[in-house]
Amino acid sequence: MLQIQTIRDNQEAIILALGKRNIDAQPLIEKVLQLDENRRAAQTSLDNVLAESNKISKEIGVLYKTGKVQEANLLKEQTVKLKEESKQLGEDLNAAEEELQNLLYQLPNAPHASVKKGSTEEDNEEIFNEGDVPKLVEGALPHWELAKKYDIIDFELGVKIAGAGFPVYKGKGARLQRALITYFLDKNTEAGYTEIQVPHLVNELSGYGTGQLPDKEGQMYHITADDLYLIPTAEVPVTNIFRDVIVKESDFPITYTGYTPCFRREAGSYGAHVRGLNRLHQFDKVEIVRVEHPSKSYNALDGMVEHVKNILRELKLPYRILRLCGGDLGFTAALTFDFEVFSTAQDRWLEISSVSNFETYQANRLKLRFKDENGKNQLAHTLNGSSLALPRVLAGILENYQTADGIKIPDVLVPYCGFDMID
């Protein structure tokens, strides 16, 4: 959530930055500032009434002590009126604060200066490309057909059990999935991230804390009886560890990694581009989360990008990195780099990771602060990245490593799988 003081001090700059998202933010910004003015005026009025009430209460005490009962009773009548006035002002203040909060929730994060204006993913900027696209055997298959041929993923069985988008991994497919999870976690812990296991359901406050609510409410599975949400990513429970927390400046950087299943409704997703593992309602992902000092968060973001690069190099998958344009940038992100692996059998790029810096946007919602060298509370910066999302990585391995004799397992995964070929 954007800070109200920042909006006050940088109104035009924020409107200009949000324009990169193709948003005309001026009417909403003006309404936010007007509400904030009303809120502050209500607060001032309330403070004045309370101060007057306290002053009169002290005078009443003195009058009673000196035997001036009649004068004291007259003043007591004033305090009754002041009490009623303060009650109304308090209600007005609470209403103004709630309306202001709801408006601030509607404002996305202001993009970083390096983010270019754009409307769709077609406007994203490729900044890096690495790896050779393999030349596949004649008659190479997309992963959903390979899964059926080698009986390693059963999409139809998933439909029977739960519905479309809930695949069943079998035999070597399940073992490869487990190998990838363990491999990713090992790479992350070797890089200094602390492994953590977190709940797969979160409450409403957690959803608001990281920005999934109210923006993506329709994309989350909601358990209405308990008012809990199935997590769309481990980012939500891991980052919410720090809700309402003041950390020490010496604690930075704070780094966590965790594996969770992820649940997304993905309403309205149809067509060939979502076949097989390309888009699921339930999938596995290993996440990295960082809490950083504001002065070091962009160096940390660069380090996260390099970390994901190294994993893809070890897997020997052709990939590219995109800097997302304003129109494709996530609601809470200031800057995002997307990693995409090339699917040779599908002849298209598949997104496998997003690495983002949210600056103070999530921290402001979470009230995640640290004490600076002067003892003053400041908002921290939060970052997260997929390291990695499994479905499309698995799809890339199945398709790019297929041979006439079966699917070769990347060398780095063989010790984790216990086999080197799916045949």
Protein backbone atom coordinates (compact mmCIF):
# COMPACT_ATOMS: atom_id res chain seq x y z
CA MET A 1 0.00 0.00 0.00
CA LEU A 2 1.34 3.40 -0.92
CA GLN A 3 2.10 5.61 2.06
CA ILE A 4 -0.19 8.59 2.44
CA GLN A 5 2.75 10.88 3.25
CA THR A 6 4.50 9.75 0.07
CA ILE A 7 1.36 10.51 -1.95
CA ARG A 8 1.11 13.96 -0.36
CA ASP A 9 4.75 14.77 -1.08
CA ASN A 10 4.93 13.22 -4.57
CA GLN A 11 1.44 13.52 -6.00
CA GLU A 12 2.40 14.29 -9.61
CA ALA A 13 5.27 11.78 -9.69
CA ILE A 14 3.01 8.97 -8.45
CA ILE A 15 0.29 9.83 -10.98
CA LEU A 16 2.94 9.76 -13.71
CA ALA A 17 4.37 6.45 -12.48
CA LEU A 18 0.94 4.80 -12.30
CA GLY A 19 0.38 5.99 -15.87
CA LYS A 20 2.91 3.31 -16.89
CA ARG A 21 0.23 0.84 -15.81
CA ASN A 22 -2.22 2.59 -18.17
CA ILE A 23 -4.09 3.96 -15.16
CA ASP A 24 -5.42 7.48 -14.93
CA ALA A 25 -4.81 7.72 -11.19
CA GLN A 26 -5.42 11.43 -10.80
CA PRO A 27 -9.12 11.23 -9.76
CA LEU A 28 -8.39 8.51 -7.20
CA ILE A 29 -5.29 10.30 -5.89
CA GLU A 30 -7.24 13.53 -5.52
CA LYS A 31 -9.99 11.70 -3.65
CA VAL A 32 -7.40 10.05 -1.39
CA LEU A 33 -5.83 13.41 -0.54
CA GLN A 34 -9.23 15.01 0.11
CA LEU A 35 -10.21 12.15 2.41
CA ASP A 36 -6.89 12.43 4.19
CA GLU A 37 -7.51 16.15 4.68
CA ASN A 38 -10.96 15.38 6.09
CA ARG A 39 -9.47 12.72 8.34
CA ARG A 40 -6.83 15.08 9.70
CA ALA A 41 -9.41 17.81 10.25
CA ALA A 42 -11.63 15.36 12.15
CA GLN A 43 -8.63 14.27 14.22
CA THR A 44 -7.76 17.88 15.06
CA SER A 45 -11.36 18.64 16.06
CA LEU A 46 -11.51 15.52 18.20
CA ASP A 47 -8.20 16.36 19.88
CA ASN A 48 -9.43 19.88 20.64
CA VAL A 49 -12.72 18.66 22.11
CA LEU A 50 -10.93 16.06 24.25
CA ALA A 51 -8.44 18.67 25.43
CA GLU A 52 -11.28 21.05 26.34
CA SER A 53 -13.11 18.24 28.13
CA ASN A 54 -10.00 17.36 30.15
CA LYS A 55 -9.44 21.00 31.03
CA ILE A 56 -13.02 21.42 32.27
CA SER A 57 -12.82 18.15 34.25
CA LYS A 58 -9.84 19.52 36.15
CA GLU A 59 -11.70 22.78 36.83
CA ILE A 60 -14.69 20.81 38.15
CA GLY A 61 -12.42 18.98 40.57
CA VAL A 62 -11.04 22.26 41.88
CA LEU A 63 -14.53 23.77 42.25
CA TYR A 64 -15.79 20.77 44.25
CA LYS A 65 -12.78 20.97 46.54
CA THR A 66 -13.44 24.64 47.20
CA GLY A 67 -17.14 24.08 47.86
CA LYS A 68 -18.41 25.72 44.65
CA VAL A 69 -20.82 22.90 43.90
CA GLN A 70 -23.28 24.92 41.79
CA GLU A 71 -20.54 26.19 39.48
CA ALA A 72 -19.13 22.68 39.23
CA ASN A 73 -22.51 21.26 38.23
CA LEU A 74 -22.87 23.88 35.49
CA LEU A 75 -19.52 22.85 34.05
CA LYS A 76 -20.54 19.19 34.23
CA GLU A 77 -23.34 19.97 31.81
CA GLN A 78 -20.71 21.24 29.37
CA THR A 79 -18.74 18.00 29.69
CA VAL A 80 -21.84 16.00 28.77
CA LYS A 81 -22.20 18.02 25.57
CA LEU A 82 -18.47 17.68 24.86
CA LYS A 83 -18.70 13.92 25.40
CA GLU A 84 -21.50 13.66 22.84
CA GLU A 85 -19.52 15.82 20.44
CA SER A 86 -16.37 13.74 20.88
CA LYS A 87 -18.36 10.55 20.27
CA GLN A 88 -19.68 11.90 16.96
CA LEU A 89 -16.25 13.17 15.94
CA GLY A 90 -14.77 9.75 16.78
CA GLU A 91 -17.32 8.03 14.58
CA ASP A 92 -16.64 10.49 11.77
CA LEU A 93 -12.90 9.91 12.15
CA ASN A 94 -13.28 6.11 12.05
CA ALA A 95 -15.48 6.36 8.94
CA ALA A 96 -12.97 8.63 7.21
CA GLU A 97 -10.06 6.32 8.09
CA GLU A 98 -11.93 3.26 6.82
CA GLU A 99 -12.88 4.96 3.56
CA LEU A 100 -9.32 6.19 3.11
CA GLN A 101 -7.93 2.70 3.77
CA ASN A 102 -10.29 1.17 1.20
CA LEU A 103 -9.23 3.74 -1.39
CA LEU A 104 -5.55 3.10 -0.72
CA TYR A 105 -6.17 -0.62 -1.23
CA GLN A 106 -7.34 0.21 -4.77
CA LEU A 107 -4.05 1.88 -5.69
CA PRO A 108 -1.38 -0.47 -7.07
CA ASN A 109 2.29 0.04 -6.38
CA ALA A 110 4.11 2.77 -8.28
CA PRO A 111 6.45 1.16 -10.85
CA HIS A 112 10.20 1.56 -10.56
CA ALA A 113 11.83 4.15 -12.82
CA SER A 114 13.24 1.38 -15.08
CA VAL A 115 9.77 0.00 -15.87
CA LYS A 116 8.52 0.96 -19.31
CA LYS A 117 4.95 1.81 -20.15
CA GLY A 118 3.09 -0.98 -21.92
CA SER A 119 -0.26 -2.67 -22.17
CA THR A 120 0.31 -6.43 -22.46
CA GLU A 121 2.99 -9.10 -22.19
CA GLU A 122 3.91 -8.27 -25.79
CA ASP A 123 5.39 -5.01 -24.47
CA ASN A 124 7.71 -6.71 -21.99
CA GLU A 125 11.41 -6.13 -22.55
CA GLU A 126 13.77 -9.09 -23.05
CA ILE A 127 16.98 -8.30 -21.19
CA PHE A 128 18.76 -11.69 -21.22
CA ASN A 129 18.72 -14.92 -23.19
CA GLU A 130 20.83 -18.00 -22.56
CA GLY A 131 21.00 -21.65 -23.56
CA ASP A 132 20.75 -23.55 -26.80
CA VAL A 133 17.37 -24.70 -28.01
CA PRO A 134 17.76 -28.46 -28.60
CA LYS A 135 16.97 -29.99 -31.98
CA LEU A 136 14.34 -32.60 -31.22
CA VAL A 137 13.80 -35.92 -32.88
CA GLU A 138 11.25 -36.14 -35.65
CA GLY A 139 7.75 -36.51 -34.25
CA ALA A 140 8.62 -34.82 -30.95
CA LEU A 141 5.61 -34.51 -28.64
CA PRO A 142 4.30 -31.85 -26.26
CA HIS A 143 4.53 -32.78 -22.59
CA TRP A 144 0.86 -33.75 -22.18
CA GLU A 145 1.30 -36.44 -24.83
CA LEU A 146 4.64 -37.53 -23.37
CA ALA A 147 2.96 -37.81 -19.96
CA LYS A 148 0.38 -40.17 -21.42
CA LYS A 149 2.88 -42.14 -23.49
CA TYR A 150 5.12 -42.88 -20.49
CA ASP A 151 2.28 -42.98 -17.93
CA ILE A 152 3.87 -40.41 -15.62
CA ILE A 153 1.07 -37.81 -15.31
CA ASP A 154 -2.63 -38.62 -15.53
CA PHE A 155 -4.71 -35.55 -16.34
CA GLU A 156 -7.95 -37.51 -16.84
CA LEU A 157 -7.66 -39.12 -13.42
CA GLY A 158 -7.23 -35.67 -11.90
CA VAL A 159 -10.47 -34.58 -13.60
CA LYS A 160 -12.23 -37.57 -12.05
CA ILE A 161 -10.98 -36.78 -8.56
CA ALA A 162 -11.22 -33.00 -8.51
CA GLY A 163 -11.68 -31.46 -11.96
CA ALA A 164 -9.55 -29.97 -14.72
CA GLY A 165 -6.29 -28.46 -13.54
CA PHE A 166 -5.54 -31.06 -10.83
CA PRO A 167 -3.12 -33.60 -12.36
CA VAL A 168 -2.08 -36.89 -10.76
CA TYR A 169 1.67 -37.61 -10.91
CA LYS A 170 2.58 -41.29 -11.13
CA GLY A 171 5.69 -43.43 -10.84
CA LYS A 172 8.74 -41.70 -12.28
CA GLY A 173 6.66 -38.56 -12.82
CA ALA A 174 6.00 -38.32 -9.08
CA ARG A 175 9.61 -39.07 -8.26
CA LEU A 176 10.85 -36.42 -10.70
CA GLN A 177 8.44 -33.91 -9.14
CA ARG A 178 9.77 -34.73 -5.65
CA ALA A 179 13.36 -34.56 -6.92
CA LEU A 180 12.81 -31.07 -8.31
CA ILE A 181 11.33 -29.84 -5.02
CA THR A 182 14.27 -31.18 -3.02
CA TYR A 183 16.81 -29.89 -5.54
CA PHE A 184 15.34 -26.38 -5.49
CA LEU A 185 15.24 -26.31 -1.68
CA ASP A 186 18.85 -27.52 -1.50
CA LYS A 187 19.98 -24.81 -3.94
CA ASN A 188 18.19 -22.15 -1.92
CA THR A 189 19.50 -23.26 1.47
CA GLU A 190 23.03 -23.48 0.01
CA ALA A 191 22.57 -19.83 -0.99
CA GLY A 192 21.77 -18.87 2.59
CA TYR A 193 17.98 -19.07 2.67
CA THR A 194 16.45 -20.63 5.79
CA GLU A 195 13.99 -23.40 4.95
CA ILE A 196 10.57 -23.01 6.51
CA GLN A 197 7.29 -24.93 6.40
CA VAL A 198 4.17 -22.81 6.60
CA PRO A 199 0.37 -23.29 6.63
CA HIS A 200 -1.35 -23.79 3.29
CA LEU A 201 -4.33 -21.73 4.42
CA VAL A 202 -4.30 -18.12 5.54
CA ASN A 203 -6.73 -15.71 7.12
CA GLU A 204 -8.09 -12.54 5.56
CA LEU A 205 -5.52 -10.31 7.27
CA SER A 206 -2.73 -12.30 5.64
CA GLY A 207 -4.35 -11.89 2.22
CA TYR A 208 -4.54 -8.13 2.72
CA GLY A 209 -1.00 -8.03 4.11
CA THR A 210 0.67 -9.17 0.91
CA GLY A 211 -1.85 -7.63 -1.47
CA GLN A 212 -3.77 -10.65 -2.75
CA LEU A 213 -6.86 -9.07 -1.19
CA PRO A 214 -8.86 -7.31 -2.36
CA ASP A 215 -7.13 -7.32 -5.77
CA LYS A 216 -7.18 -11.07 -6.49
CA GLU A 217 -10.07 -12.21 -4.32
CA GLY A 218 -11.82 -13.91 -7.24
CA GLN A 219 -8.69 -15.93 -8.06
CA MET A 220 -8.33 -17.43 -4.58
CA TYR A 221 -10.15 -20.44 -3.19
CA HIS A 222 -12.16 -19.24 -0.20
CA ILE A 223 -13.33 -21.57 2.58
CA THR A 224 -16.34 -19.56 3.65
CA ALA A 225 -17.24 -21.59 6.76
CA ASP A 226 -13.91 -20.71 8.38
CA ASP A 227 -13.16 -17.52 6.40
CA LEU A 228 -9.80 -18.94 5.29
CA TYR A 229 -8.10 -18.87 1.90
CA LEU A 230 -6.02 -21.55 0.19
CA ILE A 231 -2.67 -19.96 -0.57
CA PRO A 232 -1.88 -18.91 -4.16
CA THR A 233 1.84 -18.90 -3.31
CA ALA A 234 4.11 -19.44 -0.31
CA GLU A 235 4.86 -15.71 -0.47
CA VAL A 236 1.64 -15.05 1.45
CA PRO A 237 2.21 -17.09 4.65
CA VAL A 238 5.99 -16.57 4.67
CA THR A 239 5.84 -12.78 4.32
CA ASN A 240 3.04 -12.56 6.88
CA ILE A 241 5.39 -13.95 9.48
CA PHE A 242 6.50 -10.33 9.75
CA ARG A 243 3.06 -8.71 10.03
CA ASP A 244 3.05 -6.19 12.92
CA VAL A 245 6.74 -6.85 13.58
CA ILE A 246 9.59 -4.41 14.21
CA VAL A 247 12.87 -6.05 13.22
CA LYS A 248 16.35 -4.93 14.13
CA GLU A 249 18.41 -3.25 11.44
CA SER A 250 21.14 -5.76 12.25
CA ASP A 251 18.75 -8.61 11.29
CA PHE A 252 18.94 -7.73 7.58
CA PRO A 253 18.92 -9.52 5.26
CA ILE A 254 16.15 -11.88 6.38
CA THR A 255 15.88 -14.76 3.91
CA TYR A 256 13.45 -17.69 3.78
CA THR A 257 12.65 -20.47 1.37
CA GLY A 258 9.71 -22.82 1.45
CA TYR A 259 7.89 -25.43 -0.59
CA THR A 260 4.10 -25.41 -0.76
CA PRO A 261 1.35 -26.49 -3.06
CA CYS A 262 -0.34 -23.44 -4.58
CA PHE A 263 -4.02 -23.03 -5.41
CA ARG A 264 -5.41 -20.66 -8.03
CA ARG A 265 -8.87 -20.57 -9.51
CA GLU A 266 -7.55 -19.10 -12.80
CA ALA A 267 -11.12 -18.36 -13.85
CA GLY A 268 -11.71 -17.91 -17.56
CA SER A 269 -8.53 -19.69 -18.72
CA TYR A 270 -9.18 -21.79 -21.81
CA GLY A 271 -7.44 -22.82 -25.02
CA ALA A 272 -4.38 -24.72 -26.22
CA HIS A 273 -1.97 -22.44 -24.30
CA VAL A 274 -3.29 -23.82 -20.99
CA ARG A 275 -3.14 -27.52 -21.88
CA GLY A 276 -1.36 -30.04 -19.69
CA LEU A 277 0.91 -28.43 -17.11
CA ASN A 278 0.82 -24.99 -18.71
CA ARG A 279 -1.82 -23.71 -16.28
CA LEU A 280 -3.19 -25.52 -13.25
CA HIS A 281 -5.50 -24.93 -10.31
CA GLN A 282 -3.09 -26.78 -7.99
CA PHE A 283 0.66 -26.87 -8.50
CA ASP A 284 3.88 -27.09 -6.53
CA LYS A 285 6.31 -24.24 -6.09
CA VAL A 286 9.44 -23.45 -4.11
CA GLU A 287 9.61 -19.79 -3.12
CA ILE A 288 12.30 -17.44 -1.86
CA VAL A 289 11.35 -14.42 0.27
CA ARG A 290 13.57 -11.60 1.50
CA VAL A 291 13.09 -8.73 3.94
CA GLU A 292 15.70 -6.08 3.24
CA HIS A 293 16.94 -2.65 4.24
CA PRO A 294 15.57 -0.19 1.66
CA SER A 295 19.09 0.86 0.60
CA LYS A 296 20.01 -2.72 -0.31
CA SER A 297 16.82 -4.19 -1.78
CA TYR A 298 17.71 -3.67 -5.44
CA ASN A 299 21.11 -5.27 -4.99
CA ALA A 300 19.23 -8.14 -3.35
CA LEU A 301 16.86 -8.31 -6.34
CA ASP A 302 19.84 -8.61 -8.69
CA GLY A 303 21.20 -11.40 -6.50
CA MET A 304 17.89 -13.27 -6.68
CA VAL A 305 17.93 -13.02 -10.48
CA GLU A 306 21.46 -14.45 -10.57
CA HIS A 307 20.41 -17.24 -8.22
CA VAL A 308 17.56 -18.37 -10.49
CA LYS A 309 19.90 -18.08 -13.51
CA ASN A 310 22.33 -20.51 -11.90
CA ILE A 311 19.60 -23.07 -11.27
CA LEU A 312 18.48 -22.95 -14.91
CA ARG A 313 22.08 -23.24 -16.06
CA GLU A 314 22.46 -26.42 -14.03
CA LEU A 315 19.23 -27.78 -15.51
CA LYS A 316 20.56 -26.80 -18.98
CA LEU A 317 17.25 -25.37 -20.07
CA PRO A 318 17.11 -22.54 -22.64
CA TYR A 319 15.62 -19.50 -20.95
CA ARG A 320 15.19 -15.76 -21.20
CA ILE A 321 14.54 -12.94 -18.73
CA LEU A 322 11.93 -10.23 -19.28
CA ARG A 323 11.55 -6.94 -17.47
CA LEU A 324 7.80 -6.53 -17.20
CA CYS A 325 6.16 -3.42 -18.59
CA GLY A 326 3.74 -1.38 -16.52
CA GLY A 327 0.65 -3.02 -17.98
CA ASP A 328 1.87 -6.54 -17.15
CA LEU A 329 3.31 -5.72 -13.73
CA GLY A 330 1.67 -7.35 -10.72
CA PHE A 331 -0.51 -5.14 -8.53
CA THR A 332 1.93 -5.03 -5.60
CA ALA A 333 5.27 -5.04 -7.46
CA ALA A 334 7.51 -2.07 -8.20
CA LEU A 335 9.76 -4.11 -10.50
CA THR A 336 9.46 -7.70 -11.74
CA PHE A 337 11.73 -9.92 -13.82
CA ASP A 338 10.03 -12.92 -15.40
CA PHE A 339 11.99 -16.04 -16.35
CA GLU A 340 10.68 -18.08 -19.27
CA VAL A 341 11.90 -21.46 -20.47
CA PHE A 342 11.61 -22.34 -24.14
CA SER A 343 9.35 -25.29 -24.86
CA THR A 344 10.74 -26.74 -28.07
CA ALA A 345 7.85 -29.13 -28.62
CA GLN A 346 5.28 -26.34 -28.20
CA ASP A 347 7.50 -23.75 -29.92
CA ARG A 348 6.73 -21.15 -27.28
CA TRP A 349 8.08 -19.57 -24.12
CA LEU A 350 6.66 -20.70 -20.76
CA GLU A 351 6.88 -18.51 -17.65
CA ILE A 352 8.59 -20.38 -14.81
CA SER A 353 9.54 -17.67 -12.34
CA SER A 354 8.77 -14.11 -11.29
CA VAL A 355 11.29 -12.24 -9.13
CA SER A 356 9.95 -9.00 -7.67
CA ASN A 357 10.76 -6.09 -5.41
CA PHE A 358 7.70 -4.65 -3.66
CA GLU A 359 9.68 -1.89 -1.95
CA THR A 360 7.55 -0.64 1.00
CA TYR A 361 4.16 -1.54 -0.55
CA GLN A 362 3.64 -4.83 1.33
CA ALA A 363 5.52 -3.62 4.41
CA ASN A 364 3.11 -0.69 4.76
CA ARG A 365 0.14 -3.07 4.73
CA LEU A 366 1.92 -5.47 7.07
CA LYS A 367 3.26 -2.73 9.38
CA LEU A 368 6.66 -4.39 8.92
CA ARG A 369 9.21 -1.94 10.27
CA PHE A 370 12.75 -1.66 11.52
CA LYS A 371 14.48 0.84 13.80
CA ASP A 372 17.07 2.91 11.99
CA GLU A 373 20.32 4.17 13.52
CA ASN A 374 18.42 7.10 15.04
CA GLY A 375 15.89 4.80 16.71
CA LYS A 376 13.12 5.84 14.33
CA ASN A 377 10.74 3.27 12.86
CA GLN A 378 11.05 2.85 9.08
CA LEU A 379 9.31 0.52 6.64
CA ALA A 380 11.36 -2.41 5.34
CA HIS A 381 11.42 -3.64 1.74
CA THR A 382 10.05 -7.08 0.81
CA LEU A 383 11.00 -9.23 -2.17
CA ASN A 384 10.05 -12.66 -3.41
CA GLY A 385 10.70 -15.01 -6.28
CA SER A 386 9.77 -18.43 -7.62
CA SER A 387 12.73 -20.71 -7.27
CA LEU A 388 11.06 -22.41 -8.98
CA ALA A 389 7.47 -23.11 -10.05
CA LEU A 390 7.42 -26.78 -10.95
CA PRO A 391 4.75 -27.38 -13.65
CA ARG A 392 6.40 -25.51 -16.51
CA VAL A 393 9.91 -26.49 -15.44
CA LEU A 394 8.75 -30.10 -15.60
CA ALA A 395 7.09 -29.43 -18.95
CA GLY A 396 10.34 -27.93 -20.24
CA ILE A 397 12.37 -30.92 -19.07
CA LEU A 398 9.98 -33.47 -20.58
CA GLU A 399 9.85 -31.69 -23.93
CA ASN A 400 13.45 -30.49 -24.30
CA TYR A 401 15.04 -33.69 -23.01
CA GLN A 402 12.96 -36.14 -25.07
CA THR A 403 14.86 -38.54 -27.31
CA ALA A 404 13.94 -41.44 -29.57
CA ASP A 405 14.57 -43.77 -26.61
CA GLY A 406 12.74 -41.83 -23.90
CA ILE A 407 13.16 -38.74 -21.76
CA LYS A 408 16.64 -38.11 -20.44
CA ILE A 409 16.91 -36.72 -16.90
CA PRO A 410 19.14 -33.62 -16.45
CA ASP A 411 22.45 -34.72 -14.92
CA VAL A 412 22.03 -32.53 -11.85
CA LEU A 413 18.73 -34.27 -10.99
CA VAL A 414 19.88 -37.88 -11.39
CA PRO A 415 21.15 -38.17 -7.77
CA TYR A 416 17.76 -36.86 -6.57
CA CYS A 417 15.68 -39.10 -8.85
CA GLY A 418 17.61 -42.32 -8.66
CA PHE A 419 17.19 -42.85 -12.43
CA ASP A 420 18.53 -41.18 -15.57
CA MET A 421 15.81 -41.99 -18.11
CA ILE A 422 12.04 -42.18 -18.39
CA ASP A 423 11.28 -44.90 -20.92
